[in-house]
N, C-alpha and C. Protein backbone atom coordinates (compact mmCIF):
# COMPACT_ATOMS: atom_id res chain seq x y z
N MET A 1 19.82 10.88 -15.43
CA MET A 1 19.86 10.81 -13.97
C MET A 1 19.33 9.46 -13.51
N ASP A 2 20.18 8.68 -12.81
CA ASP A 2 19.71 7.39 -12.32
C ASP A 2 18.93 7.58 -11.03
N ILE A 3 18.39 6.49 -10.52
CA ILE A 3 17.50 6.57 -9.36
C ILE A 3 18.22 7.11 -8.13
N LYS A 4 19.49 6.77 -7.97
CA LYS A 4 20.26 7.24 -6.83
C LYS A 4 20.47 8.75 -6.90
N GLU A 5 20.78 9.25 -8.10
CA GLU A 5 20.96 10.69 -8.27
C GLU A 5 19.65 11.43 -8.08
N TYR A 6 18.56 10.84 -8.58
CA TYR A 6 17.25 11.45 -8.41
C TYR A 6 16.87 11.54 -6.93
N TYR A 7 17.14 10.46 -6.20
CA TYR A 7 16.84 10.45 -4.77
C TYR A 7 17.64 11.52 -4.03
N SER A 8 18.92 11.65 -4.37
CA SER A 8 19.77 12.67 -3.75
C SER A 8 19.25 14.07 -4.05
N TRP A 9 18.82 14.27 -5.29
CA TRP A 9 18.26 15.58 -5.67
C TRP A 9 16.98 15.86 -4.89
N LEU A 10 16.08 14.87 -4.85
CA LEU A 10 14.81 15.07 -4.16
C LEU A 10 15.03 15.34 -2.68
N LYS A 11 15.94 14.60 -2.07
CA LYS A 11 16.20 14.78 -0.65
C LYS A 11 16.76 16.16 -0.35
N ARG A 12 17.51 16.72 -1.31
CA ARG A 12 18.11 18.05 -1.14
C ARG A 12 17.12 19.17 -1.44
N ASP A 13 16.30 18.99 -2.48
CA ASP A 13 15.50 20.10 -2.99
C ASP A 13 13.99 19.86 -2.93
N TRP A 14 13.55 18.93 -2.09
CA TRP A 14 12.13 18.60 -2.06
C TRP A 14 11.25 19.80 -1.71
N ALA A 15 11.69 20.62 -0.78
CA ALA A 15 10.86 21.76 -0.35
C ALA A 15 10.74 22.79 -1.46
N LYS A 16 11.83 23.04 -2.19
CA LYS A 16 11.78 23.97 -3.32
C LYS A 16 10.86 23.43 -4.41
N THR A 17 10.98 22.14 -4.66
CA THR A 17 10.10 21.50 -5.64
C THR A 17 8.65 21.59 -5.21
N GLY A 18 8.42 21.46 -3.90
CA GLY A 18 7.07 21.53 -3.36
C GLY A 18 6.41 22.87 -3.63
N LEU A 19 7.18 23.95 -3.59
CA LEU A 19 6.63 25.27 -3.88
C LEU A 19 6.11 25.33 -5.30
N ILE A 20 6.90 24.80 -6.24
CA ILE A 20 6.48 24.79 -7.64
C ILE A 20 5.25 23.90 -7.83
N VAL A 21 5.29 22.72 -7.20
CA VAL A 21 4.16 21.78 -7.31
C VAL A 21 2.90 22.40 -6.71
N SER A 22 3.04 23.14 -5.61
CA SER A 22 1.87 23.75 -4.96
C SER A 22 1.18 24.75 -5.88
N ILE A 23 1.96 25.51 -6.63
CA ILE A 23 1.39 26.49 -7.56
C ILE A 23 0.62 25.76 -8.67
N PHE A 24 1.24 24.70 -9.20
CA PHE A 24 0.57 23.91 -10.25
C PHE A 24 -0.72 23.28 -9.71
N LEU A 25 -0.65 22.66 -8.54
CA LEU A 25 -1.82 22.00 -7.96
C LEU A 25 -2.94 23.00 -7.68
N PHE A 26 -2.59 24.17 -7.16
CA PHE A 26 -3.61 25.17 -6.87
C PHE A 26 -4.33 25.60 -8.15
N ALA A 27 -3.54 25.86 -9.20
CA ALA A 27 -4.13 26.27 -10.48
C ALA A 27 -5.02 25.15 -11.03
N PHE A 28 -4.54 23.92 -10.96
CA PHE A 28 -5.31 22.77 -11.46
C PHE A 28 -6.63 22.64 -10.71
N LEU A 29 -6.58 22.75 -9.38
CA LEU A 29 -7.80 22.60 -8.58
C LEU A 29 -8.81 23.70 -8.87
N VAL A 30 -8.33 24.92 -9.01
CA VAL A 30 -9.22 26.05 -9.29
C VAL A 30 -9.87 25.90 -10.66
N VAL A 31 -9.10 25.52 -11.65
CA VAL A 31 -9.60 25.44 -13.02
C VAL A 31 -10.46 24.21 -13.26
N PHE A 32 -10.03 23.04 -12.76
CA PHE A 32 -10.68 21.79 -13.14
C PHE A 32 -11.55 21.14 -12.07
N VAL A 33 -11.32 21.45 -10.81
CA VAL A 33 -12.01 20.72 -9.74
C VAL A 33 -13.06 21.57 -9.03
N LYS A 34 -12.77 22.83 -8.82
CA LYS A 34 -13.63 23.69 -8.00
C LYS A 34 -15.09 23.67 -8.43
N LYS A 35 -15.34 23.80 -9.73
CA LYS A 35 -16.72 23.87 -10.21
C LYS A 35 -17.39 22.51 -10.28
N SER A 36 -16.59 21.46 -10.49
CA SER A 36 -17.18 20.14 -10.66
C SER A 36 -17.53 19.48 -9.33
N ASP A 37 -16.69 19.69 -8.31
CA ASP A 37 -16.96 19.10 -6.99
C ASP A 37 -16.26 19.94 -5.93
N PHE A 38 -17.02 20.83 -5.30
CA PHE A 38 -16.43 21.78 -4.37
C PHE A 38 -15.91 21.09 -3.10
N VAL A 39 -16.54 19.99 -2.71
CA VAL A 39 -16.07 19.27 -1.53
C VAL A 39 -14.69 18.67 -1.78
N ILE A 40 -14.52 18.04 -2.92
CA ILE A 40 -13.21 17.49 -3.28
C ILE A 40 -12.19 18.61 -3.41
N PHE A 41 -12.61 19.74 -3.95
CA PHE A 41 -11.74 20.90 -4.05
C PHE A 41 -11.21 21.31 -2.68
N LEU A 42 -12.08 21.39 -1.68
CA LEU A 42 -11.68 21.80 -0.34
C LEU A 42 -10.74 20.78 0.30
N ILE A 43 -11.00 19.51 0.05
CA ILE A 43 -10.15 18.46 0.63
C ILE A 43 -8.77 18.48 0.00
N LEU A 44 -8.72 18.51 -1.33
CA LEU A 44 -7.45 18.49 -2.03
C LEU A 44 -6.67 19.80 -1.87
N LEU A 45 -7.39 20.90 -1.63
CA LEU A 45 -6.74 22.20 -1.48
C LEU A 45 -5.75 22.22 -0.32
N GLN A 46 -5.99 21.41 0.69
CA GLN A 46 -5.12 21.44 1.88
C GLN A 46 -3.68 21.03 1.53
N THR A 47 -3.49 20.20 0.49
CA THR A 47 -2.15 19.74 0.15
C THR A 47 -1.27 20.86 -0.40
N PRO A 48 -1.67 21.59 -1.46
CA PRO A 48 -0.80 22.69 -1.92
C PRO A 48 -0.61 23.78 -0.87
N LEU A 49 -1.63 24.03 -0.05
CA LEU A 49 -1.47 25.04 0.99
C LEU A 49 -0.45 24.59 2.02
N TYR A 50 -0.42 23.29 2.31
CA TYR A 50 0.58 22.81 3.27
C TYR A 50 1.97 22.81 2.65
N MET A 51 2.06 22.63 1.35
CA MET A 51 3.36 22.73 0.69
C MET A 51 3.91 24.15 0.80
N ILE A 52 3.02 25.14 0.74
CA ILE A 52 3.44 26.53 0.96
C ILE A 52 3.90 26.70 2.41
N HIS A 53 3.21 26.04 3.32
CA HIS A 53 3.60 26.02 4.73
C HIS A 53 5.02 25.48 4.88
N GLU A 54 5.31 24.39 4.16
CA GLU A 54 6.65 23.80 4.19
C GLU A 54 7.70 24.76 3.64
N THR A 55 7.30 25.56 2.66
CA THR A 55 8.22 26.55 2.09
C THR A 55 8.70 27.52 3.16
N GLU A 56 7.77 27.98 4.00
CA GLU A 56 8.17 28.89 5.09
C GLU A 56 9.01 28.16 6.11
N GLU A 57 8.69 26.90 6.38
CA GLU A 57 9.43 26.14 7.39
C GLU A 57 10.87 25.84 6.97
N TYR A 58 11.06 25.54 5.68
CA TYR A 58 12.35 24.97 5.27
C TYR A 58 13.10 25.73 4.18
N ILE A 59 12.48 26.77 3.58
CA ILE A 59 13.18 27.54 2.55
C ILE A 59 13.32 29.00 2.97
N PHE A 60 12.20 29.69 3.10
CA PHE A 60 12.24 31.12 3.45
C PHE A 60 11.24 31.42 4.54
N PRO A 61 11.68 31.78 5.74
CA PRO A 61 13.08 31.90 6.13
C PRO A 61 13.73 30.56 6.46
N GLY A 62 12.91 29.50 6.60
CA GLY A 62 13.46 28.18 6.92
C GLY A 62 13.91 28.08 8.37
N GLY A 63 14.56 26.96 8.68
CA GLY A 63 15.13 26.79 10.01
C GLY A 63 14.21 26.17 11.04
N PHE A 64 13.14 25.46 10.59
CA PHE A 64 12.23 24.89 11.57
C PHE A 64 12.90 23.81 12.41
N GLY A 65 13.74 22.98 11.76
CA GLY A 65 14.43 21.94 12.52
C GLY A 65 15.31 22.54 13.61
N LYS A 66 16.05 23.57 13.26
CA LYS A 66 16.90 24.27 14.23
C LYS A 66 16.06 24.86 15.35
N PHE A 67 14.94 25.48 15.00
CA PHE A 67 14.05 26.06 16.01
C PHE A 67 13.60 24.99 17.00
N PHE A 68 13.22 23.82 16.47
CA PHE A 68 12.71 22.77 17.34
C PHE A 68 13.80 22.24 18.26
N ASN A 69 14.98 21.99 17.71
CA ASN A 69 16.08 21.45 18.52
C ASN A 69 16.52 22.41 19.61
N VAL A 70 16.64 23.69 19.27
CA VAL A 70 17.20 24.69 20.19
C VAL A 70 16.14 25.24 21.14
N ASN A 71 14.94 25.53 20.62
CA ASN A 71 13.96 26.25 21.43
C ASN A 71 12.91 25.36 22.09
N ILE A 72 12.68 24.18 21.53
CA ILE A 72 11.72 23.26 22.13
C ILE A 72 12.42 22.19 22.94
N PHE A 73 13.42 21.53 22.34
CA PHE A 73 14.18 20.51 23.05
C PHE A 73 15.26 21.11 23.96
N LYS A 74 15.57 22.40 23.77
CA LYS A 74 16.57 23.11 24.59
C LYS A 74 17.95 22.45 24.50
N LEU A 75 18.33 22.08 23.28
CA LEU A 75 19.63 21.47 23.05
C LEU A 75 20.60 22.48 22.43
N ASP A 76 21.87 22.20 22.58
CA ASP A 76 22.88 23.06 21.95
C ASP A 76 23.07 22.73 20.47
N THR A 77 22.71 21.51 20.08
CA THR A 77 22.87 21.10 18.69
C THR A 77 21.72 21.63 17.85
N GLU A 78 22.05 22.23 16.71
CA GLU A 78 21.01 22.80 15.85
C GLU A 78 20.43 21.78 14.88
N ASP A 79 21.16 20.69 14.61
CA ASP A 79 20.73 19.75 13.58
C ASP A 79 20.47 18.34 14.10
N LYS A 80 20.30 18.18 15.39
CA LYS A 80 19.98 16.89 16.00
C LYS A 80 19.06 17.13 17.19
N PRO A 81 18.11 16.25 17.48
CA PRO A 81 17.76 15.02 16.78
C PRO A 81 16.85 15.23 15.56
N ILE A 82 16.20 16.42 15.48
CA ILE A 82 15.39 16.70 14.29
C ILE A 82 16.34 17.11 13.17
N ASP A 83 16.71 16.12 12.37
CA ASP A 83 17.71 16.37 11.33
C ASP A 83 17.06 16.33 9.95
N GLN A 84 17.88 16.48 8.91
CA GLN A 84 17.35 16.55 7.55
C GLN A 84 16.65 15.25 7.14
N ASN A 85 17.15 14.11 7.61
CA ASN A 85 16.50 12.84 7.29
C ASN A 85 15.09 12.78 7.87
N PHE A 86 14.96 13.14 9.15
CA PHE A 86 13.65 13.14 9.79
C PHE A 86 12.69 14.08 9.07
N ILE A 87 13.15 15.28 8.79
CA ILE A 87 12.33 16.28 8.11
C ILE A 87 11.89 15.78 6.74
N PHE A 88 12.81 15.22 5.98
CA PHE A 88 12.51 14.74 4.64
C PHE A 88 11.47 13.63 4.67
N TYR A 89 11.71 12.60 5.45
CA TYR A 89 10.81 11.45 5.44
C TYR A 89 9.43 11.78 5.99
N VAL A 90 9.37 12.57 7.04
CA VAL A 90 8.07 12.94 7.61
C VAL A 90 7.24 13.72 6.60
N ASN A 91 7.86 14.72 5.97
CA ASN A 91 7.10 15.56 5.04
C ASN A 91 6.73 14.83 3.76
N ILE A 92 7.62 14.01 3.23
CA ILE A 92 7.30 13.27 2.01
C ILE A 92 6.18 12.27 2.26
N VAL A 93 6.31 11.50 3.34
CA VAL A 93 5.30 10.48 3.62
C VAL A 93 3.96 11.11 3.95
N LEU A 94 3.96 12.12 4.80
CA LEU A 94 2.71 12.69 5.29
C LEU A 94 2.06 13.63 4.29
N ILE A 95 2.82 14.61 3.78
CA ILE A 95 2.24 15.66 2.95
C ILE A 95 2.22 15.30 1.47
N TRP A 96 3.26 14.64 1.01
CA TRP A 96 3.35 14.33 -0.41
C TRP A 96 2.67 13.02 -0.80
N ILE A 97 2.49 12.12 0.16
CA ILE A 97 1.89 10.82 -0.16
C ILE A 97 0.54 10.65 0.53
N LEU A 98 0.52 10.75 1.87
CA LEU A 98 -0.70 10.44 2.62
C LEU A 98 -1.85 11.41 2.30
N LEU A 99 -1.59 12.71 2.35
CA LEU A 99 -2.67 13.68 2.09
C LEU A 99 -3.24 13.54 0.69
N PRO A 100 -2.42 13.52 -0.37
CA PRO A 100 -2.98 13.37 -1.71
C PRO A 100 -3.69 12.02 -1.90
N ALA A 101 -3.13 10.95 -1.31
CA ALA A 101 -3.74 9.63 -1.47
C ALA A 101 -5.16 9.60 -0.89
N PHE A 102 -5.31 10.12 0.32
CA PHE A 102 -6.64 10.13 0.93
C PHE A 102 -7.55 11.18 0.26
N GLY A 103 -6.94 12.23 -0.29
CA GLY A 103 -7.72 13.19 -1.06
C GLY A 103 -8.30 12.55 -2.30
N LEU A 104 -7.51 11.73 -2.98
CA LEU A 104 -8.00 11.03 -4.16
C LEU A 104 -9.01 9.95 -3.79
N LEU A 105 -8.81 9.28 -2.65
CA LEU A 105 -9.80 8.31 -2.19
C LEU A 105 -11.13 8.98 -1.90
N ALA A 106 -11.07 10.25 -1.53
CA ALA A 106 -12.31 11.00 -1.24
C ALA A 106 -13.16 11.18 -2.49
N THR A 107 -12.56 11.05 -3.68
CA THR A 107 -13.36 11.12 -4.90
C THR A 107 -14.28 9.91 -5.02
N ILE A 108 -13.94 8.84 -4.32
CA ILE A 108 -14.80 7.65 -4.28
C ILE A 108 -15.83 7.80 -3.17
N ASN A 109 -15.35 8.26 -2.02
CA ASN A 109 -16.23 8.48 -0.86
C ASN A 109 -15.64 9.63 -0.04
N TYR A 110 -16.41 10.68 0.15
CA TYR A 110 -15.92 11.85 0.89
C TYR A 110 -15.32 11.49 2.24
N GLN A 111 -15.86 10.45 2.86
CA GLN A 111 -15.46 10.10 4.23
C GLN A 111 -13.95 9.84 4.35
N TYR A 112 -13.32 9.38 3.29
CA TYR A 112 -11.89 9.09 3.34
C TYR A 112 -11.04 10.34 3.56
N GLY A 113 -11.54 11.49 3.14
CA GLY A 113 -10.71 12.70 3.18
C GLY A 113 -11.16 13.78 4.13
N LEU A 114 -12.22 13.55 4.88
CA LEU A 114 -12.77 14.61 5.73
C LEU A 114 -11.89 14.94 6.92
N TRP A 115 -10.90 14.10 7.23
CA TRP A 115 -9.97 14.39 8.33
C TRP A 115 -8.91 15.40 7.92
N ILE A 116 -8.71 15.59 6.61
CA ILE A 116 -7.60 16.41 6.14
C ILE A 116 -7.71 17.88 6.54
N PRO A 117 -8.88 18.52 6.42
CA PRO A 117 -8.97 19.91 6.92
C PRO A 117 -8.68 20.02 8.42
N TYR A 118 -9.07 19.01 9.19
CA TYR A 118 -8.77 19.02 10.62
C TYR A 118 -7.27 18.89 10.86
N PHE A 119 -6.62 18.03 10.07
CA PHE A 119 -5.17 17.91 10.18
C PHE A 119 -4.51 19.26 9.94
N SER A 120 -4.93 19.96 8.89
CA SER A 120 -4.36 21.26 8.56
C SER A 120 -4.61 22.28 9.66
N LEU A 121 -5.80 22.22 10.24
CA LEU A 121 -6.14 23.13 11.34
C LEU A 121 -5.24 22.89 12.54
N PHE A 122 -5.13 21.65 12.97
CA PHE A 122 -4.33 21.34 14.16
C PHE A 122 -2.84 21.58 13.92
N ALA A 123 -2.38 21.35 12.69
CA ALA A 123 -0.98 21.62 12.37
C ALA A 123 -0.69 23.11 12.48
N GLY A 124 -1.66 23.94 12.04
CA GLY A 124 -1.49 25.38 12.18
C GLY A 124 -1.52 25.83 13.63
N VAL A 125 -2.46 25.30 14.39
CA VAL A 125 -2.57 25.64 15.81
C VAL A 125 -1.31 25.21 16.56
N ALA A 126 -0.70 24.10 16.12
CA ALA A 126 0.52 23.61 16.77
C ALA A 126 1.63 24.66 16.71
N HIS A 127 1.70 25.43 15.63
CA HIS A 127 2.73 26.45 15.53
C HIS A 127 2.50 27.58 16.55
N ILE A 128 1.25 27.87 16.83
CA ILE A 128 0.95 28.85 17.87
C ILE A 128 1.41 28.30 19.23
N ALA A 129 1.09 27.04 19.49
CA ALA A 129 1.50 26.40 20.75
C ALA A 129 3.02 26.35 20.88
N LEU A 130 3.71 26.05 19.78
CA LEU A 130 5.18 26.00 19.81
C LEU A 130 5.78 27.35 20.13
N GLY A 131 5.18 28.41 19.56
CA GLY A 131 5.66 29.76 19.86
C GLY A 131 5.49 30.11 21.32
N ILE A 132 4.36 29.72 21.89
CA ILE A 132 4.10 29.98 23.31
C ILE A 132 5.09 29.21 24.17
N LYS A 133 5.29 27.92 23.86
CA LYS A 133 6.20 27.08 24.64
C LYS A 133 7.63 27.62 24.57
N ALA A 134 8.04 28.07 23.38
CA ALA A 134 9.41 28.55 23.21
C ALA A 134 9.58 29.99 23.69
N GLY A 135 8.47 30.69 23.92
CA GLY A 135 8.56 32.09 24.31
C GLY A 135 9.02 32.99 23.18
N LYS A 136 8.66 32.59 21.94
CA LYS A 136 9.06 33.33 20.75
C LYS A 136 7.83 33.86 20.02
N LEU A 137 7.96 35.07 19.48
CA LEU A 137 6.86 35.63 18.69
C LEU A 137 6.73 34.94 17.35
N TYR A 138 7.83 34.36 16.86
CA TYR A 138 7.80 33.74 15.54
C TYR A 138 8.51 32.40 15.53
N ASN A 139 7.97 31.48 14.77
CA ASN A 139 8.67 30.24 14.44
C ASN A 139 8.34 29.90 12.98
N PRO A 140 9.26 29.26 12.25
CA PRO A 140 9.05 29.01 10.82
C PRO A 140 7.80 28.17 10.55
N GLY A 141 6.88 28.74 9.80
CA GLY A 141 5.61 28.11 9.52
C GLY A 141 4.43 28.84 10.13
N LEU A 142 4.70 29.76 11.05
CA LEU A 142 3.63 30.45 11.78
C LEU A 142 2.81 31.37 10.89
N ILE A 143 3.47 32.10 10.00
CA ILE A 143 2.76 33.08 9.19
C ILE A 143 1.78 32.40 8.23
N VAL A 144 2.24 31.34 7.56
CA VAL A 144 1.34 30.60 6.66
C VAL A 144 0.24 29.92 7.46
N SER A 145 0.56 29.46 8.66
CA SER A 145 -0.46 28.87 9.53
C SER A 145 -1.58 29.86 9.82
N LEU A 146 -1.19 31.07 10.21
CA LEU A 146 -2.17 32.10 10.56
C LEU A 146 -2.89 32.66 9.34
N GLY A 147 -2.15 32.78 8.23
CA GLY A 147 -2.73 33.43 7.05
C GLY A 147 -3.46 32.49 6.11
N LEU A 148 -3.09 31.20 6.10
CA LEU A 148 -3.70 30.27 5.16
C LEU A 148 -4.27 29.02 5.83
N ASN A 149 -3.41 28.25 6.50
CA ASN A 149 -3.83 26.93 6.98
C ASN A 149 -5.01 26.98 7.93
N ILE A 150 -4.93 27.82 8.95
CA ILE A 150 -6.02 27.88 9.94
C ILE A 150 -7.30 28.45 9.34
N PRO A 151 -7.27 29.63 8.70
CA PRO A 151 -8.53 30.17 8.16
C PRO A 151 -9.14 29.29 7.06
N VAL A 152 -8.33 28.73 6.17
CA VAL A 152 -8.88 27.91 5.09
C VAL A 152 -9.44 26.61 5.64
N SER A 153 -8.78 26.02 6.63
CA SER A 153 -9.31 24.78 7.20
C SER A 153 -10.60 25.04 7.97
N ILE A 154 -10.68 26.15 8.69
CA ILE A 154 -11.93 26.50 9.39
C ILE A 154 -13.05 26.74 8.39
N TRP A 155 -12.74 27.45 7.32
CA TRP A 155 -13.71 27.69 6.25
C TRP A 155 -14.17 26.38 5.64
N SER A 156 -13.24 25.46 5.40
CA SER A 156 -13.57 24.16 4.82
C SER A 156 -14.47 23.36 5.75
N ILE A 157 -14.11 23.30 7.02
CA ILE A 157 -14.91 22.56 8.01
C ILE A 157 -16.30 23.17 8.12
N SER A 158 -16.36 24.50 8.10
CA SER A 158 -17.65 25.19 8.18
C SER A 158 -18.53 24.85 6.98
N TYR A 159 -17.94 24.86 5.80
CA TYR A 159 -18.70 24.52 4.58
C TYR A 159 -19.20 23.08 4.66
N LEU A 160 -18.31 22.17 5.04
CA LEU A 160 -18.68 20.76 5.11
C LEU A 160 -19.78 20.53 6.14
N THR A 161 -19.74 21.27 7.24
CA THR A 161 -20.76 21.13 8.28
C THR A 161 -22.09 21.74 7.82
N ASN A 162 -22.02 22.92 7.24
CA ASN A 162 -23.24 23.59 6.79
C ASN A 162 -23.97 22.82 5.69
N ASN A 163 -23.20 22.03 4.94
CA ASN A 163 -23.80 21.26 3.85
C ASN A 163 -24.01 19.79 4.24
N GLN A 164 -23.93 19.52 5.55
CA GLN A 164 -24.25 18.21 6.11
C GLN A 164 -23.35 17.08 5.61
N ILE A 165 -22.17 17.44 5.09
CA ILE A 165 -21.17 16.43 4.78
C ILE A 165 -20.58 15.91 6.09
N ILE A 166 -20.36 16.86 7.01
CA ILE A 166 -20.04 16.54 8.39
C ILE A 166 -21.22 17.00 9.24
N HIS A 167 -21.74 16.15 10.08
CA HIS A 167 -22.97 16.48 10.80
C HIS A 167 -22.72 17.31 12.05
N ASN A 168 -21.54 17.23 12.60
CA ASN A 168 -21.18 18.04 13.75
C ASN A 168 -19.71 18.38 13.64
N ALA A 169 -19.38 19.66 13.68
CA ALA A 169 -18.01 20.10 13.42
C ALA A 169 -17.02 19.59 14.46
N ILE A 170 -17.50 19.29 15.66
CA ILE A 170 -16.62 18.87 16.75
C ILE A 170 -16.78 17.39 17.07
N LEU A 171 -17.99 16.93 17.19
CA LEU A 171 -18.24 15.53 17.57
C LEU A 171 -18.29 14.66 16.32
N ASN A 172 -17.10 14.31 15.83
CA ASN A 172 -17.03 13.43 14.67
C ASN A 172 -15.66 12.74 14.65
N PRO A 173 -15.55 11.59 14.00
CA PRO A 173 -14.27 10.85 13.99
C PRO A 173 -13.19 11.54 13.17
N HIS A 174 -13.57 12.40 12.25
CA HIS A 174 -12.59 13.05 11.38
C HIS A 174 -11.70 14.00 12.18
N LEU A 175 -12.28 14.69 13.15
CA LEU A 175 -11.50 15.54 14.04
C LEU A 175 -10.47 14.71 14.81
N ALA A 176 -10.91 13.56 15.32
CA ALA A 176 -10.00 12.70 16.09
C ALA A 176 -8.86 12.19 15.22
N ILE A 177 -9.17 11.84 13.98
CA ILE A 177 -8.12 11.35 13.07
C ILE A 177 -7.13 12.47 12.74
N GLY A 178 -7.65 13.65 12.42
CA GLY A 178 -6.78 14.79 12.12
C GLY A 178 -5.88 15.14 13.27
N LEU A 179 -6.43 15.11 14.49
CA LEU A 179 -5.63 15.37 15.68
C LEU A 179 -4.62 14.26 15.91
N GLY A 180 -5.06 13.02 15.72
CA GLY A 180 -4.19 11.87 15.95
C GLY A 180 -2.99 11.87 15.02
N VAL A 181 -3.20 12.19 13.75
CA VAL A 181 -2.09 12.23 12.80
C VAL A 181 -1.09 13.31 13.22
N ASN A 182 -1.60 14.44 13.72
CA ASN A 182 -0.71 15.49 14.21
C ASN A 182 0.09 15.04 15.42
N LEU A 183 -0.53 14.26 16.29
CA LEU A 183 0.14 13.83 17.51
C LEU A 183 1.25 12.81 17.25
N VAL A 184 1.20 12.15 16.10
CA VAL A 184 2.26 11.21 15.75
C VAL A 184 3.60 11.92 15.70
N LEU A 185 3.61 13.16 15.20
CA LEU A 185 4.87 13.89 15.02
C LEU A 185 5.56 14.20 16.34
N PRO A 186 4.89 14.80 17.34
CA PRO A 186 5.58 15.02 18.62
C PRO A 186 5.96 13.73 19.34
N ILE A 187 5.17 12.68 19.14
CA ILE A 187 5.50 11.39 19.77
C ILE A 187 6.80 10.85 19.19
N VAL A 188 6.91 10.85 17.87
CA VAL A 188 8.14 10.38 17.21
C VAL A 188 9.30 11.30 17.57
N GLY A 189 9.03 12.61 17.60
CA GLY A 189 10.07 13.57 17.97
C GLY A 189 10.59 13.33 19.37
N THR A 190 9.68 13.03 20.30
CA THR A 190 10.08 12.75 21.68
C THR A 190 10.93 11.49 21.78
N ILE A 191 10.56 10.48 21.00
CA ILE A 191 11.36 9.25 20.98
C ILE A 191 12.77 9.54 20.48
N MET A 192 12.85 10.36 19.42
CA MET A 192 14.17 10.71 18.88
C MET A 192 14.97 11.55 19.88
N TYR A 193 14.27 12.43 20.60
CA TYR A 193 14.93 13.25 21.61
C TYR A 193 15.53 12.38 22.71
N LYS A 194 14.74 11.41 23.22
CA LYS A 194 15.23 10.54 24.29
C LYS A 194 16.40 9.68 23.79
N LYS A 195 16.31 9.24 22.54
CA LYS A 195 17.40 8.45 21.97
C LYS A 195 18.67 9.31 21.84
N HIS A 196 18.49 10.56 21.45
CA HIS A 196 19.63 11.47 21.32
C HIS A 196 20.28 11.73 22.67
N ILE A 197 19.47 11.96 23.68
CA ILE A 197 20.00 12.21 25.04
C ILE A 197 20.73 10.97 25.56
N LYS A 198 20.17 9.81 25.29
CA LYS A 198 20.80 8.56 25.74
C LYS A 198 22.15 8.35 25.08
N ASN A 199 22.24 8.68 23.80
CA ASN A 199 23.48 8.48 23.05
C ASN A 199 24.48 9.63 23.22
N ASN A 200 23.99 10.75 23.77
CA ASN A 200 24.86 11.92 23.96
C ASN A 200 24.65 12.48 25.36
N PRO A 201 25.01 11.73 26.39
CA PRO A 201 24.80 12.21 27.76
C PRO A 201 25.63 13.45 28.05
N VAL A 202 25.05 14.32 28.86
CA VAL A 202 25.73 15.57 29.22
C VAL A 202 26.91 15.28 30.12
């Protein structure tokens, strides 16, 4: 398989691959990291849990892009402006590269990764907000948000605060960074929406 074929495969099956990778990462963290450094374990744990989140969004039941285009942007098109390219690049850059990279940097200094549990928390809360805005009881990603992302991130932040890794659970720069990274997504989405409307006037 040459690089072009590999790229095509990854672009098509990244979410399915992420489910397998999440299982491996979770097992690795539990066996090799949890006992040696629990803080690093909590920081790195957010990545496989978010990969499971992506599984609900894009595999089973999937359809998050369609949900956003139809129910949030109120468009007739199911695959524009939030299309497969946008979904692929956002998730690969943010979840597959940025989160693990800063998680590994946290092994040098915890401060590099303390924003990650906040990111996971706000990403989970965003699904609740999206459901309210759309007037829907369910949107792809909500169940994992409620069952894993939100409770585990709150637990992580609580542990970090109780052990003085974070001195105040609310008044700290890590919360602002986690929120800020989350806000990048709706900002970029809004730009794409305006571009789509401009190029496809009613």
